Amino acid sequence: MFDVILVIAAYLIGSVSAAIITCKLMGLPDPRSQGSRNPGATNVLRIGGKKAAAITLLGDGLKGFVPVLVAVLAGVEPTTIAAVAMAAFLGHLYPLFFSFHGGKGVATAIGVLLAMAWPVGLAFVLTWLIVAKVLKISSLSALIASVLMPLYMWWLSPEPVFFQMSLVMSVLLVWRHRSNIQRLLSGAEGQIKG
């Protein structure tokens, strides 16, 4: 029963949209109605600047990190930890509180990874940063890091169920970036400014 409560709580925490709440508190437009219409840090950066984006990024990361860390500290089985991680991630993608219209999941995935297998989370972040520095395209950085994530998990984590979870998460991250992939292929995807 405790395992079920952890999973449900993770989904509900994941369903809290840092982007929507941050924009509302800072008097900014709803991110679902501006820019890319994605309630995530990159779109908040576009419509509200660096401070709002940083708050959103932190919030989205924490809602993945905290539920998984609680599960790890509670000493539950790896399968339950993976289920909690996936629930928090799915809560961000399909939030109960915001008509199931969520973000693309990169920050929440990072939070999840840092709590369950920090070397994998670190490898994901470093991949994103290196690709972003070289190619200056946020979505491409996220896509490359997402595709490599299962390989990092296979290499750096001893838990087979974590690898399986990372495969599903990787597929969902790529799927959520499908509009970005179309723009990348057409040469219309925007670059990171500054």
N, C-alpha and C. Protein backbone atom coordinates (compact mmCIF):
# COMPACT_ATOMS: atom_id res chain seq x y z
N MET A 1 0.83 -1.21 0.00
CA MET A 1 0.00 0.00 0.00
C MET A 1 0.87 1.26 0.00
N PHE A 2 1.96 1.25 0.77
CA PHE A 2 2.88 2.39 0.82
C PHE A 2 3.45 2.68 -0.56
N ASP A 3 3.78 1.61 -1.30
CA ASP A 3 4.32 1.78 -2.65
C ASP A 3 3.32 2.49 -3.56
N VAL A 4 2.06 2.11 -3.45
CA VAL A 4 1.00 2.72 -4.27
C VAL A 4 0.85 4.20 -3.93
N ILE A 5 0.90 4.51 -2.64
CA ILE A 5 0.80 5.91 -2.20
C ILE A 5 1.96 6.73 -2.77
N LEU A 6 3.16 6.16 -2.75
CA LEU A 6 4.33 6.85 -3.30
C LEU A 6 4.14 7.17 -4.79
N VAL A 7 3.63 6.20 -5.53
CA VAL A 7 3.44 6.37 -6.98
C VAL A 7 2.37 7.43 -7.26
N ILE A 8 1.25 7.35 -6.55
CA ILE A 8 0.17 8.34 -6.75
C ILE A 8 0.65 9.74 -6.37
N ALA A 9 1.34 9.84 -5.24
CA ALA A 9 1.87 11.14 -4.81
C ALA A 9 2.85 11.70 -5.83
N ALA A 10 3.68 10.84 -6.41
CA ALA A 10 4.65 11.28 -7.42
C ALA A 10 3.94 11.85 -8.64
N TYR A 11 2.86 11.18 -9.08
CA TYR A 11 2.11 11.69 -10.23
C TYR A 11 1.49 13.04 -9.92
N LEU A 12 0.91 13.18 -8.73
CA LEU A 12 0.27 14.44 -8.35
C LEU A 12 1.29 15.57 -8.24
N ILE A 13 2.45 15.26 -7.66
CA ILE A 13 3.52 16.28 -7.58
C ILE A 13 4.01 16.64 -8.99
N GLY A 14 4.17 15.63 -9.83
CA GLY A 14 4.57 15.88 -11.21
C GLY A 14 3.57 16.71 -11.98
N SER A 15 2.30 16.64 -11.57
CA SER A 15 1.23 17.38 -12.26
C SER A 15 1.21 18.87 -11.95
N VAL A 16 1.99 19.29 -10.96
CA VAL A 16 2.06 20.72 -10.62
C VAL A 16 2.98 21.39 -11.65
N SER A 17 2.44 22.31 -12.44
CA SER A 17 3.21 22.94 -13.51
C SER A 17 3.97 24.17 -13.00
N ALA A 18 5.27 24.02 -12.91
CA ALA A 18 6.10 25.15 -12.47
C ALA A 18 5.99 26.32 -13.44
N ALA A 19 5.88 26.04 -14.73
CA ALA A 19 5.81 27.10 -15.74
C ALA A 19 4.55 27.93 -15.58
N ILE A 20 3.41 27.27 -15.45
CA ILE A 20 2.13 27.98 -15.35
C ILE A 20 2.07 28.78 -14.05
N ILE A 21 2.49 28.17 -12.94
CA ILE A 21 2.45 28.85 -11.64
C ILE A 21 3.42 30.02 -11.62
N THR A 22 4.64 29.81 -12.12
CA THR A 22 5.63 30.89 -12.16
C THR A 22 5.13 32.07 -12.97
N CYS A 23 4.60 31.79 -14.14
CA CYS A 23 4.09 32.87 -15.00
C CYS A 23 2.94 33.61 -14.34
N LYS A 24 2.06 32.88 -13.68
CA LYS A 24 0.92 33.51 -13.00
C LYS A 24 1.42 34.42 -11.87
N LEU A 25 2.33 33.92 -11.05
CA LEU A 25 2.85 34.70 -9.91
C LEU A 25 3.66 35.92 -10.36
N MET A 26 4.31 35.82 -11.53
CA MET A 26 5.13 36.93 -12.03
C MET A 26 4.38 37.85 -12.99
N GLY A 27 3.07 37.60 -13.13
CA GLY A 27 2.26 38.47 -14.00
C GLY A 27 2.55 38.31 -15.47
N LEU A 28 3.01 37.14 -15.86
CA LEU A 28 3.33 36.86 -17.27
C LEU A 28 2.17 36.12 -17.92
N PRO A 29 2.12 36.10 -19.25
CA PRO A 29 1.06 35.36 -19.93
C PRO A 29 1.18 33.85 -19.65
N ASP A 30 0.06 33.17 -19.74
CA ASP A 30 0.05 31.71 -19.62
C ASP A 30 0.95 31.13 -20.72
N PRO A 31 1.96 30.33 -20.38
CA PRO A 31 2.87 29.81 -21.41
C PRO A 31 2.18 28.91 -22.44
N ARG A 32 0.99 28.43 -22.09
CA ARG A 32 0.24 27.60 -23.04
C ARG A 32 -0.42 28.43 -24.14
N SER A 33 -0.36 29.76 -23.98
CA SER A 33 -1.00 30.64 -24.97
C SER A 33 0.01 31.51 -25.72
N GLN A 34 1.30 31.37 -25.41
CA GLN A 34 2.34 32.21 -26.00
C GLN A 34 3.48 31.37 -26.54
N GLY A 35 4.27 31.94 -27.44
CA GLY A 35 5.47 31.27 -27.95
C GLY A 35 5.16 29.91 -28.55
N SER A 36 5.84 28.89 -28.04
CA SER A 36 5.63 27.52 -28.55
C SER A 36 4.40 26.87 -27.93
N ARG A 37 3.79 27.56 -26.96
CA ARG A 37 2.62 27.06 -26.22
C ARG A 37 2.97 25.85 -25.33
N ASN A 38 4.24 25.68 -25.07
CA ASN A 38 4.69 24.58 -24.21
C ASN A 38 4.97 25.11 -22.81
N PRO A 39 4.35 24.52 -21.78
CA PRO A 39 4.60 24.97 -20.41
C PRO A 39 5.90 24.39 -19.86
N GLY A 40 7.00 24.92 -20.37
CA GLY A 40 8.32 24.46 -19.94
C GLY A 40 9.28 25.64 -19.86
N ALA A 41 10.48 25.39 -19.35
CA ALA A 41 11.45 26.45 -19.09
C ALA A 41 11.88 27.20 -20.35
N THR A 42 12.05 26.50 -21.47
CA THR A 42 12.50 27.17 -22.70
C THR A 42 11.48 28.18 -23.17
N ASN A 43 10.20 27.82 -23.13
CA ASN A 43 9.16 28.76 -23.56
C ASN A 43 9.01 29.90 -22.56
N VAL A 44 9.17 29.60 -21.26
CA VAL A 44 9.09 30.66 -20.25
C VAL A 44 10.25 31.65 -20.45
N LEU A 45 11.42 31.14 -20.82
CA LEU A 45 12.55 32.02 -21.14
C LEU A 45 12.17 32.98 -22.27
N ARG A 46 11.49 32.45 -23.25
CA ARG A 46 11.07 33.23 -24.41
C ARG A 46 10.12 34.36 -24.00
N ILE A 47 9.16 34.03 -23.14
CA ILE A 47 8.11 35.02 -22.84
C ILE A 47 8.34 35.81 -21.56
N GLY A 48 9.23 35.32 -20.68
CA GLY A 48 9.39 35.98 -19.39
C GLY A 48 10.80 36.28 -18.95
N GLY A 49 11.79 35.80 -19.70
CA GLY A 49 13.18 36.08 -19.35
C GLY A 49 13.84 35.02 -18.50
N LYS A 50 15.11 35.29 -18.16
CA LYS A 50 15.96 34.29 -17.50
C LYS A 50 15.50 33.93 -16.10
N LYS A 51 15.06 34.91 -15.32
CA LYS A 51 14.66 34.63 -13.94
C LYS A 51 13.46 33.68 -13.90
N ALA A 52 12.45 33.98 -14.68
CA ALA A 52 11.26 33.14 -14.72
C ALA A 52 11.60 31.74 -15.23
N ALA A 53 12.49 31.67 -16.23
CA ALA A 53 12.90 30.38 -16.78
C ALA A 53 13.67 29.56 -15.76
N ALA A 54 14.55 30.22 -14.99
CA ALA A 54 15.35 29.53 -13.96
C ALA A 54 14.45 28.96 -12.88
N ILE A 55 13.44 29.73 -12.46
CA ILE A 55 12.50 29.26 -11.44
C ILE A 55 11.72 28.06 -11.97
N THR A 56 11.30 28.14 -13.23
CA THR A 56 10.56 27.04 -13.85
C THR A 56 11.42 25.79 -13.94
N LEU A 57 12.65 25.96 -14.38
CA LEU A 57 13.58 24.84 -14.51
C LEU A 57 13.80 24.16 -13.16
N LEU A 58 14.02 24.96 -12.13
CA LEU A 58 14.23 24.42 -10.79
C LEU A 58 12.98 23.69 -10.29
N GLY A 59 11.83 24.31 -10.47
CA GLY A 59 10.57 23.70 -10.04
C GLY A 59 10.30 22.38 -10.73
N ASP A 60 10.49 22.35 -12.04
CA ASP A 60 10.26 21.12 -12.80
C ASP A 60 11.26 20.03 -12.44
N GLY A 61 12.50 20.43 -12.16
CA GLY A 61 13.50 19.46 -11.74
C GLY A 61 13.19 18.88 -10.36
N LEU A 62 12.79 19.75 -9.43
CA LEU A 62 12.50 19.31 -8.06
C LEU A 62 11.31 18.36 -8.00
N LYS A 63 10.32 18.57 -8.85
CA LYS A 63 9.16 17.68 -8.77
C LYS A 63 9.47 16.28 -9.30
N GLY A 64 10.57 16.13 -10.02
CA GLY A 64 11.05 14.80 -10.36
C GLY A 64 11.99 14.27 -9.30
N PHE A 65 12.82 15.15 -8.76
CA PHE A 65 13.85 14.76 -7.79
C PHE A 65 13.26 14.33 -6.45
N VAL A 66 12.36 15.14 -5.89
CA VAL A 66 11.88 14.92 -4.52
C VAL A 66 11.13 13.59 -4.36
N PRO A 67 10.13 13.27 -5.21
CA PRO A 67 9.43 11.99 -5.01
C PRO A 67 10.35 10.77 -5.12
N VAL A 68 11.29 10.83 -6.07
CA VAL A 68 12.22 9.71 -6.25
C VAL A 68 13.16 9.61 -5.06
N LEU A 69 13.66 10.74 -4.58
CA LEU A 69 14.54 10.73 -3.41
C LEU A 69 13.82 10.15 -2.20
N VAL A 70 12.56 10.51 -2.01
CA VAL A 70 11.77 9.97 -0.90
C VAL A 70 11.67 8.44 -1.02
N ALA A 71 11.41 7.96 -2.24
CA ALA A 71 11.32 6.51 -2.46
C ALA A 71 12.65 5.82 -2.18
N VAL A 72 13.74 6.43 -2.63
CA VAL A 72 15.08 5.87 -2.39
C VAL A 72 15.37 5.82 -0.89
N LEU A 73 15.12 6.92 -0.19
CA LEU A 73 15.39 6.99 1.24
C LEU A 73 14.48 6.06 2.04
N ALA A 74 13.29 5.80 1.51
CA ALA A 74 12.35 4.88 2.18
C ALA A 74 12.79 3.43 2.03
N GLY A 75 13.75 3.17 1.14
CA GLY A 75 14.28 1.83 0.98
C GLY A 75 13.37 0.86 0.24
N VAL A 76 12.50 1.41 -0.62
CA VAL A 76 11.61 0.53 -1.39
C VAL A 76 12.38 -0.18 -2.50
N GLU A 77 11.75 -1.17 -3.09
CA GLU A 77 12.37 -1.96 -4.16
C GLU A 77 12.68 -1.08 -5.38
N PRO A 78 13.70 -1.45 -6.16
CA PRO A 78 14.02 -0.70 -7.39
C PRO A 78 12.83 -0.56 -8.34
N THR A 79 11.97 -1.58 -8.40
CA THR A 79 10.78 -1.50 -9.27
C THR A 79 9.88 -0.36 -8.83
N THR A 80 9.71 -0.18 -7.53
CA THR A 80 8.88 0.91 -7.02
C THR A 80 9.54 2.26 -7.28
N ILE A 81 10.85 2.32 -7.11
CA ILE A 81 11.57 3.57 -7.41
C ILE A 81 11.36 3.95 -8.88
N ALA A 82 11.47 2.97 -9.77
CA ALA A 82 11.26 3.22 -11.19
C ALA A 82 9.82 3.67 -11.47
N ALA A 83 8.86 3.05 -10.77
CA ALA A 83 7.45 3.43 -10.95
C ALA A 83 7.20 4.85 -10.45
N VAL A 84 7.81 5.22 -9.33
CA VAL A 84 7.69 6.58 -8.80
C VAL A 84 8.30 7.58 -9.79
N ALA A 85 9.46 7.23 -10.31
CA ALA A 85 10.13 8.10 -11.30
C ALA A 85 9.25 8.31 -12.53
N MET A 86 8.68 7.22 -13.03
CA MET A 86 7.83 7.32 -14.23
C MET A 86 6.56 8.10 -13.93
N ALA A 87 6.01 7.93 -12.73
CA ALA A 87 4.78 8.64 -12.36
C ALA A 87 5.02 10.15 -12.29
N ALA A 88 6.13 10.56 -11.69
CA ALA A 88 6.45 11.99 -11.62
C ALA A 88 6.65 12.57 -13.03
N PHE A 89 7.34 11.81 -13.86
CA PHE A 89 7.60 12.23 -15.24
C PHE A 89 6.30 12.34 -16.04
N LEU A 90 5.44 11.33 -15.91
CA LEU A 90 4.15 11.36 -16.62
C LEU A 90 3.25 12.46 -16.09
N GLY A 91 3.36 12.76 -14.78
CA GLY A 91 2.60 13.87 -14.23
C GLY A 91 2.97 15.18 -14.89
N HIS A 92 4.26 15.36 -15.20
CA HIS A 92 4.69 16.57 -15.88
C HIS A 92 4.17 16.60 -17.32
N LEU A 93 4.26 15.47 -18.02
CA LEU A 93 3.82 15.40 -19.41
C LEU A 93 2.31 15.54 -19.54
N TYR A 94 1.59 14.88 -18.63
CA TYR A 94 0.12 14.84 -18.68
C TYR A 94 -0.45 15.19 -17.31
N PRO A 95 -0.37 16.49 -16.92
CA PRO A 95 -0.75 16.89 -15.56
C PRO A 95 -2.27 16.89 -15.33
N LEU A 96 -2.65 16.26 -14.25
CA LEU A 96 -4.05 16.19 -13.85
C LEU A 96 -4.64 17.58 -13.65
N PHE A 97 -3.84 18.49 -13.08
CA PHE A 97 -4.36 19.81 -12.69
C PHE A 97 -4.46 20.81 -13.85
N PHE A 98 -3.91 20.47 -15.01
CA PHE A 98 -3.90 21.43 -16.12
C PHE A 98 -4.39 20.78 -17.41
N SER A 99 -5.50 20.07 -17.30
CA SER A 99 -6.16 19.44 -18.46
C SER A 99 -5.23 18.52 -19.24
N PHE A 100 -4.28 17.90 -18.56
CA PHE A 100 -3.34 16.94 -19.16
C PHE A 100 -2.46 17.57 -20.24
N HIS A 101 -2.31 18.91 -20.19
CA HIS A 101 -1.46 19.63 -21.14
C HIS A 101 -0.17 20.05 -20.44
N GLY A 102 0.85 19.21 -20.57
CA GLY A 102 2.09 19.45 -19.85
C GLY A 102 3.26 19.79 -20.75
N GLY A 103 4.43 19.84 -20.15
CA GLY A 103 5.65 20.18 -20.87
C GLY A 103 6.28 18.97 -21.54
N LYS A 104 7.49 19.16 -22.01
CA LYS A 104 8.17 18.10 -22.76
C LYS A 104 8.97 17.15 -21.87
N GLY A 105 9.25 17.56 -20.65
CA GLY A 105 9.76 16.61 -19.66
C GLY A 105 11.25 16.59 -19.39
N VAL A 106 12.02 17.45 -20.02
CA VAL A 106 13.48 17.36 -19.88
C VAL A 106 13.92 17.66 -18.45
N ALA A 107 13.47 18.78 -17.87
CA ALA A 107 13.89 19.14 -16.52
C ALA A 107 13.43 18.11 -15.49
N THR A 108 12.21 17.62 -15.65
CA THR A 108 11.70 16.61 -14.71
C THR A 108 12.48 15.31 -14.85
N ALA A 109 12.83 14.95 -16.08
CA ALA A 109 13.66 13.75 -16.30
C ALA A 109 15.01 13.90 -15.61
N ILE A 110 15.60 15.08 -15.70
CA ILE A 110 16.89 15.32 -15.04
C ILE A 110 16.75 15.14 -13.53
N GLY A 111 15.69 15.71 -12.96
CA GLY A 111 15.46 15.57 -11.52
C GLY A 111 15.31 14.12 -11.11
N VAL A 112 14.54 13.37 -11.87
CA VAL A 112 14.33 11.94 -11.63
C VAL A 112 15.67 11.20 -11.67
N LEU A 113 16.45 11.46 -12.71
CA LEU A 113 17.73 10.76 -12.88
C LEU A 113 18.71 11.08 -11.77
N LEU A 114 18.78 12.35 -11.37
CA LEU A 114 19.71 12.74 -10.31
C LEU A 114 19.38 12.06 -8.98
N ALA A 115 18.09 11.80 -8.74
CA ALA A 115 17.69 11.16 -7.48
C ALA A 115 17.88 9.64 -7.52
N MET A 116 17.67 9.02 -8.68
CA MET A 116 17.71 7.55 -8.73
C MET A 116 19.08 7.01 -9.13
N ALA A 117 19.81 7.73 -9.96
CA ALA A 117 21.15 7.29 -10.41
C ALA A 117 21.90 8.55 -10.83
N TRP A 118 22.46 9.26 -9.83
CA TRP A 118 23.02 10.59 -10.09
C TRP A 118 24.08 10.63 -11.20
N PRO A 119 24.91 9.56 -11.38
CA PRO A 119 25.87 9.64 -12.49
C PRO A 119 25.17 9.74 -13.85
N VAL A 120 24.01 9.08 -13.97
CA VAL A 120 23.24 9.14 -15.22
C VAL A 120 22.68 10.54 -15.41
N GLY A 121 22.14 11.11 -14.33
CA GLY A 121 21.63 12.48 -14.39
C GLY A 121 22.72 13.47 -14.77
N LEU A 122 23.89 13.28 -14.20
CA LEU A 122 25.03 14.16 -14.51
C LEU A 122 25.46 14.00 -15.97
N ALA A 123 25.49 12.76 -16.45
CA ALA A 123 25.85 12.51 -17.85
C ALA A 123 24.84 13.17 -18.79
N PHE A 124 23.56 13.11 -18.42
CA PHE A 124 22.49 13.74 -19.23
C PHE A 124 22.73 15.24 -19.30
N VAL A 125 22.95 15.86 -18.13
CA VAL A 125 23.15 17.31 -18.06
C VAL A 125 24.39 17.73 -18.85
N LEU A 126 25.50 17.00 -18.68
CA LEU A 126 26.73 17.33 -19.40
C LEU A 126 26.55 17.20 -20.91
N THR A 127 25.82 16.16 -21.33
CA THR A 127 25.54 16.00 -22.76
C THR A 127 24.76 17.19 -23.28
N TRP A 128 23.71 17.58 -22.55
CA TRP A 128 22.89 18.73 -22.96
C TRP A 128 23.77 19.98 -23.07
N LEU A 129 24.57 20.23 -22.05
CA LEU A 129 25.39 21.44 -22.03
C LEU A 129 26.41 21.47 -23.17
N ILE A 130 27.06 20.35 -23.43
CA ILE A 130 28.08 20.29 -24.49
C ILE A 130 27.45 20.51 -25.86
N VAL A 131 26.35 19.81 -26.11
CA VAL A 131 25.67 19.96 -27.42
C VAL A 131 25.13 21.37 -27.57
N ALA A 132 24.56 21.92 -26.49
CA ALA A 132 24.02 23.29 -26.56
C ALA A 132 25.13 24.30 -26.82
N LYS A 133 26.29 24.09 -26.22
CA LYS A 133 27.43 25.00 -26.41
C LYS A 133 27.92 24.96 -27.85
N VAL A 134 27.96 23.75 -28.41
CA VAL A 134 28.50 23.59 -29.77
C VAL A 134 27.48 23.96 -30.84
N LEU A 135 26.25 23.43 -30.71
CA LEU A 135 25.25 23.60 -31.78
C LEU A 135 24.24 24.71 -31.52
N LYS A 136 24.14 25.16 -30.26
CA LYS A 136 23.27 26.28 -29.89
C LYS A 136 21.79 26.05 -30.22
N ILE A 137 21.34 24.79 -30.08
CA ILE A 137 19.93 24.48 -30.30
C ILE A 137 19.44 23.65 -29.12
N SER A 138 18.56 24.23 -28.30
CA SER A 138 18.10 23.59 -27.07
C SER A 138 17.42 22.24 -27.33
N SER A 139 16.52 22.21 -28.30
CA SER A 139 15.77 20.97 -28.55
C SER A 139 16.68 19.85 -29.03
N LEU A 140 17.66 20.17 -29.86
CA LEU A 140 18.60 19.15 -30.34
C LEU A 140 19.46 18.63 -29.19
N SER A 141 19.84 19.53 -28.29
CA SER A 141 20.59 19.12 -27.10
C SER A 141 19.77 18.14 -26.27
N ALA A 142 18.49 18.46 -26.07
CA ALA A 142 17.59 17.60 -25.30
C ALA A 142 17.40 16.26 -25.99
N LEU A 143 17.24 16.28 -27.30
CA LEU A 143 17.02 15.03 -28.05
C LEU A 143 18.24 14.11 -27.98
N ILE A 144 19.42 14.67 -28.15
CA ILE A 144 20.63 13.85 -28.11
C ILE A 144 20.83 13.26 -26.71
N ALA A 145 20.64 14.10 -25.68
CA ALA A 145 20.78 13.62 -24.30
C ALA A 145 19.73 12.55 -24.00
N SER A 146 18.52 12.73 -24.51
CA SER A 146 17.44 11.76 -24.27
C SER A 146 17.72 10.42 -24.94
N VAL A 147 18.23 10.46 -26.15
CA VAL A 147 18.54 9.22 -26.88
C VAL A 147 19.70 8.47 -26.20
N LEU A 148 20.65 9.22 -25.66
CA LEU A 148 21.80 8.60 -24.99
C LEU A 148 21.49 8.12 -23.57
N MET A 149 20.41 8.64 -22.98
CA MET A 149 20.09 8.32 -21.59
C MET A 149 20.03 6.81 -21.29
N PRO A 150 19.35 5.98 -22.10
CA PRO A 150 19.34 4.54 -21.79
C PRO A 150 20.74 3.92 -21.83
N LEU A 151 21.60 4.41 -22.72
CA LEU A 151 22.98 3.90 -22.78
C LEU A 151 23.73 4.27 -21.50
N TYR A 152 23.53 5.50 -21.04
CA TYR A 152 24.15 5.91 -19.78
C TYR A 152 23.64 5.05 -18.62
N MET A 153 22.33 4.79 -18.62
CA MET A 153 21.74 4.00 -17.54
C MET A 153 22.28 2.57 -17.56
N TRP A 154 22.37 2.01 -18.76
CA TRP A 154 22.91 0.64 -18.90
C TRP A 154 24.36 0.57 -18.41
N TRP A 155 25.11 1.61 -18.70
CA TRP A 155 26.53 1.65 -18.37
C TRP A 155 26.78 1.98 -16.89
N LEU A 156 25.99 2.90 -16.33
CA LEU A 156 26.30 3.45 -15.02
C LEU A 156 25.42 2.96 -13.86
N SER A 157 24.36 2.22 -14.17
CA SER A 157 23.47 1.76 -13.10
C SER A 157 23.34 0.24 -13.14
N PRO A 158 23.40 -0.42 -11.98
CA PRO A 158 23.31 -1.88 -11.94
C PRO A 158 21.87 -2.42 -12.01
N GLU A 159 20.88 -1.53 -11.97
CA GLU A 159 19.48 -1.98 -11.89
C GLU A 159 18.85 -2.12 -13.28
N PRO A 160 18.51 -3.34 -13.69
CA PRO A 160 17.87 -3.55 -15.00
C PRO A 160 16.56 -2.77 -15.15
N VAL A 161 15.79 -2.67 -14.07
CA VAL A 161 14.50 -1.98 -14.16
C VAL A 161 14.69 -0.49 -14.41
N PHE A 162 15.79 0.09 -13.94
CA PHE A 162 16.08 1.49 -14.23
C PHE A 162 16.38 1.67 -15.72
N PHE A 163 17.09 0.70 -16.29
CA PHE A 163 17.37 0.75 -17.73
C PHE A 163 16.06 0.69 -18.53
N GLN A 164 15.17 -0.21 -18.13
CA GLN A 164 13.88 -0.33 -18.83
C GLN A 164 13.08 0.96 -18.73
N MET A 165 13.06 1.55 -17.52
CA MET A 165 12.37 2.81 -17.34
C MET A 165 12.97 3.91 -18.21
N SER A 166 14.30 3.93 -18.30
CA SER A 166 14.97 4.97 -19.10
C SER A 166 14.66 4.83 -20.59
N LEU A 167 14.47 3.59 -21.04
CA LEU A 167 14.08 3.38 -22.45
C LEU A 167 12.72 4.01 -22.73
N VAL A 168 11.76 3.75 -21.84
CA VAL A 168 10.41 4.32 -22.01
C VAL A 168 10.47 5.84 -21.93
N MET A 169 11.21 6.35 -20.97
CA MET A 169 11.34 7.80 -20.81
C MET A 169 11.98 8.43 -22.04
N SER A 170 12.99 7.77 -22.59
CA SER A 170 13.67 8.27 -23.78
C SER A 170 12.71 8.37 -24.97
N VAL A 171 11.91 7.32 -25.17
CA VAL A 171 10.93 7.32 -26.26
C VAL A 171 9.92 8.46 -26.08
N LEU A 172 9.45 8.65 -24.84
CA LEU A 172 8.48 9.71 -24.58
C LEU A 172 9.08 11.10 -24.78
N LEU A 173 10.33 11.27 -24.38
CA LEU A 173 10.99 12.56 -24.59
C LEU A 173 11.12 12.88 -26.08
N VAL A 174 11.50 11.89 -26.87
CA VAL A 174 11.60 12.10 -28.32
C VAL A 174 10.22 12.39 -28.89
N TRP A 175 9.21 11.67 -28.46
CA TRP A 175 7.83 11.87 -28.94
C TRP A 175 7.36 13.29 -28.62
N ARG A 176 7.64 13.76 -27.41
CA ARG A 176 7.20 15.09 -27.01
C ARG A 176 7.93 16.20 -27.78
N HIS A 177 9.06 15.85 -28.38
CA HIS A 177 9.82 16.82 -29.18
C HIS A 177 9.55 16.67 -30.69
N ARG A 178 8.47 15.98 -31.06
CA ARG A 178 8.24 15.70 -32.49
C ARG A 178 8.07 16.98 -33.32
N SER A 179 7.46 18.03 -32.75
CA SER A 179 7.33 19.29 -33.50
C SER A 179 8.71 19.94 -33.68
N ASN A 180 9.57 19.80 -32.67
CA ASN A 180 10.94 20.32 -32.78
C ASN A 180 11.71 19.56 -33.86
N ILE A 181 11.50 18.25 -33.91
CA ILE A 181 12.17 17.42 -34.92
C ILE A 181 11.78 17.88 -36.32
N GLN A 182 10.49 18.18 -36.52
CA GLN A 182 10.04 18.67 -37.83
C GLN A 182 10.72 19.99 -38.18
N ARG A 183 10.83 20.89 -37.18
CA ARG A 183 11.48 22.18 -37.44
C ARG A 183 12.98 22.00 -37.68
N LEU A 184 13.60 21.07 -36.95
CA LEU A 184 15.02 20.79 -37.18
C LEU A 184 15.25 20.30 -38.61
N LEU A 185 14.40 19.41 -39.06
CA LEU A 185 14.54 18.86 -40.41
C LEU A 185 14.32 19.90 -41.51
N SER A 186 13.45 20.88 -41.20
CA SER A 186 13.18 21.94 -42.19
C SER A 186 14.12 23.13 -42.04
N GLY A 187 14.97 23.11 -41.00
CA GLY A 187 15.90 24.22 -40.78
C GLY A 187 15.26 25.42 -40.12
N ALA A 188 14.08 25.22 -39.51
CA ALA A 188 13.35 26.36 -38.93
C ALA A 188 13.46 26.44 -37.42
N GLU A 189 14.18 25.52 -36.78
CA GLU A 189 14.28 25.54 -35.32
C GLU A 189 15.18 26.67 -34.86
N GLY A 190 14.72 27.39 -33.84
CA GLY A 190 15.46 28.53 -33.32
C GLY A 190 16.70 28.13 -32.54
N GLN A 191 17.64 29.04 -32.46
CA GLN A 191 18.87 28.79 -31.71
C GLN A 191 18.82 29.45 -30.34
N ILE A 192 19.70 28.98 -29.44
CA ILE A 192 19.82 29.59 -28.12
C ILE A 192 20.50 30.94 -28.29
N LYS A 193 19.90 31.97 -27.72
CA LYS A 193 20.46 33.32 -27.86
C LYS A 193 21.31 33.64 -26.63
N GLY A 194 22.33 34.46 -26.82
CA GLY A 194 23.12 34.93 -25.71
C GLY A 194 24.34 34.09 -25.42
